[in-house]
C-alpha cells in the first residue's frame, strides 16, 4: 500500500547510497544490498555497481537477466 511513496532512484536516495558506500569503504567495510530492486531494475543495479557496491543479492529467477548488466558495469569500471 505504501510502495508508491518510495523510489530508490530519487536523487536523495541515490546520494545517500553513494555516501554510505564511500563511508563504509573508508572504514574498510564491505557493502552489500539485497532486495527486489536490483533483481528487477538493471539500471539501478548498474548504479550500485558504479557507486562501488561490493555485492548485490538478486532473486534466483532474475540472475540470468542481471548477470550481463553487472558484468558489463564491472568491466567498464
C-alpha atoms as a PDB file:
ATOM      1  CA  UNK A   1       0.000   0.000   0.000  1.00  0.00           C
ATOM      2  CA  UNK A   2       2.933   2.346   0.575  1.00  0.00           C
ATOM      3  CA  UNK A   3       5.121   1.302  -2.355  1.00  0.00           C
ATOM      4  CA  UNK A   4       4.054   4.282  -4.463  1.00  0.00           C
ATOM      5  CA  UNK A   5       5.623   6.611  -1.867  1.00  0.00           C
ATOM      6  CA  UNK A   6       9.130   5.220  -2.300  1.00  0.00           C
ATOM      7  CA  UNK A   7      11.506   5.413  -5.230  1.00  0.00           C
ATOM      8  CA  UNK A   8      15.089   4.184  -4.948  1.00  0.00           C
ATOM      9  CA  UNK A   9      16.003   6.371  -7.927  1.00  0.00           C
ATOM     10  CA  UNK A  10      15.143   9.565  -6.053  1.00  0.00           C
ATOM     11  CA  UNK A  11      18.288  11.771  -6.048  1.00  0.00           C
ATOM     12  CA  UNK A  12      18.260  11.990  -2.250  1.00  0.00           C
ATOM     13  CA  UNK A  13      18.244   8.205  -2.034  1.00  0.00           C
ATOM     14  CA  UNK A  14      20.979   7.694  -4.622  1.00  0.00           C
ATOM     15  CA  UNK A  15      23.194  10.323  -2.942  1.00  0.00           C
ATOM     16  CA  UNK A  16      22.637   8.561   0.379  1.00  0.00           C
ATOM     17  CA  UNK A  17      23.569   5.195  -1.114  1.00  0.00           C
ATOM     18  CA  UNK A  18      26.719   6.649  -2.687  1.00  0.00           C
ATOM     19  CA  UNK A  19      27.653   8.299   0.605  1.00  0.00           C
ATOM     20  CA  UNK A  20      27.042   5.121   2.571  1.00  0.00           C
ATOM     21  CA  UNK A  21      29.221   3.079   0.225  1.00  0.00           C
ATOM     22  CA  UNK A  22      32.053   5.625   0.318  1.00  0.00           C
ATOM     23  CA  UNK A  23      31.891   5.931   4.114  1.00  0.00           C
ATOM     24  CA  UNK A  24      31.849   2.164   4.593  1.00  0.00           C
ATOM     25  CA  UNK A  25      34.795   1.680   2.248  1.00  0.00           C
ATOM     26  CA  UNK A  26      36.734   4.425   4.039  1.00  0.00           C
ATOM     27  CA  UNK A  27      36.235   2.379   7.218  1.00  0.00           C
ATOM     28  CA  UNK A  28      37.380  -0.768   5.363  1.00  0.00           C
ATOM     29  CA  UNK A  29      33.882  -2.272   5.444  1.00  0.00           C
ATOM     30  CA  UNK A  30      32.090  -4.402   2.865  1.00  0.00           C
ATOM     31  CA  UNK A  31      28.777  -3.136   1.443  1.00  0.00           C
ATOM     32  CA  UNK A  32      26.082  -5.424   0.112  1.00  0.00           C
ATOM     33  CA  UNK A  33      22.438  -4.998  -0.753  1.00  0.00           C
ATOM     34  CA  UNK A  34      19.622  -7.433  -1.107  1.00  0.00           C
ATOM     35  CA  UNK A  35      16.156  -6.571  -2.212  1.00  0.00           C
ATOM     36  CA  UNK A  36      13.810  -6.636  -5.143  1.00  0.00           C
ATOM     37  CA  UNK A  37      15.069  -3.528  -6.917  1.00  0.00           C
ATOM     38  CA  UNK A  38      18.405  -4.943  -8.134  1.00  0.00           C
ATOM     39  CA  UNK A  39      16.536  -8.033  -9.321  1.00  0.00           C
ATOM     40  CA  UNK A  40      14.018  -6.115 -11.398  1.00  0.00           C
ATOM     41  CA  UNK A  41      15.838  -2.944 -12.473  1.00  0.00           C
ATOM     42  CA  UNK A  42      19.126  -3.379 -14.322  1.00  0.00           C
ATOM     43  CA  UNK A  43      19.677   0.404 -14.402  1.00  0.00           C
ATOM     44  CA  UNK A  44      19.541   0.523 -10.608  1.00  0.00           C
ATOM     45  CA  UNK A  45      21.883  -2.457 -10.434  1.00  0.00           C
ATOM     46  CA  UNK A  46      24.286  -0.621 -12.756  1.00  0.00           C
ATOM     47  CA  UNK A  47      24.079   2.438 -10.493  1.00  0.00           C
ATOM     48  CA  UNK A  48      25.009   0.281  -7.491  1.00  0.00           C
ATOM     49  CA  UNK A  49      28.000  -1.197  -9.326  1.00  0.00           C
ATOM     50  CA  UNK A  50      29.153   2.244 -10.465  1.00  0.00           C
ATOM     51  CA  UNK A  51      28.768   3.504  -6.880  1.00  0.00           C
ATOM     52  CA  UNK A  52      31.180   0.775  -5.803  1.00  0.00           C
ATOM     53  CA  UNK A  53      28.942  -1.700  -4.016  1.00  0.00           C
ATOM     54  CA  UNK A  54      30.700  -4.946  -3.153  1.00  0.00           C
ATOM     55  CA  UNK A  55      27.820  -7.378  -3.563  1.00  0.00           C
ATOM     56  CA  UNK A  56      24.218  -7.491  -4.701  1.00  0.00           C
ATOM     57  CA  UNK A  57      21.779 -10.258  -3.942  1.00  0.00           C
ATOM     58  CA  UNK A  58      19.131 -10.988  -6.542  1.00  0.00           C
ATOM     59  CA  UNK A  59      16.257 -13.425  -6.783  1.00  0.00           C
ATOM     60  CA  UNK A  60      17.118 -16.735  -8.462  1.00  0.00           C
ATOM     61  CA  UNK A  61      14.720 -16.167 -11.340  1.00  0.00           C
ATOM     62  CA  UNK A  62      16.394 -12.853 -12.234  1.00  0.00           C
ATOM     63  CA  UNK A  63      20.029 -13.997 -12.044  1.00  0.00           C
ATOM     64  CA  UNK A  64      20.381 -14.607 -15.782  1.00  0.00           C
ATOM     65  CA  UNK A  65      18.970 -11.203 -16.721  1.00  0.00           C
ATOM     66  CA  UNK A  66      21.067  -9.350 -14.100  1.00  0.00           C
ATOM     67  CA  UNK A  67      24.350 -11.168 -14.781  1.00  0.00           C
ATOM     68  CA  UNK A  68      25.132  -9.385 -18.071  1.00  0.00           C
ATOM     69  CA  UNK A  69      24.486  -5.797 -16.885  1.00  0.00           C
ATOM     70  CA  UNK A  70      26.594  -6.448 -13.763  1.00  0.00           C
ATOM     71  CA  UNK A  71      29.480  -7.902 -15.788  1.00  0.00           C
ATOM     72  CA  UNK A  72      29.265  -5.014 -18.252  1.00  0.00           C
ATOM     73  CA  UNK A  73      29.278  -2.373 -15.488  1.00  0.00           C
ATOM     74  CA  UNK A  74      32.184  -4.069 -13.730  1.00  0.00           C
ATOM     75  CA  UNK A  75      34.180  -4.243 -16.973  1.00  0.00           C
ATOM     76  CA  UNK A  76      33.639  -0.530 -17.593  1.00  0.00           C
ATOM     77  CA  UNK A  77      34.514   0.435 -14.012  1.00  0.00           C
END
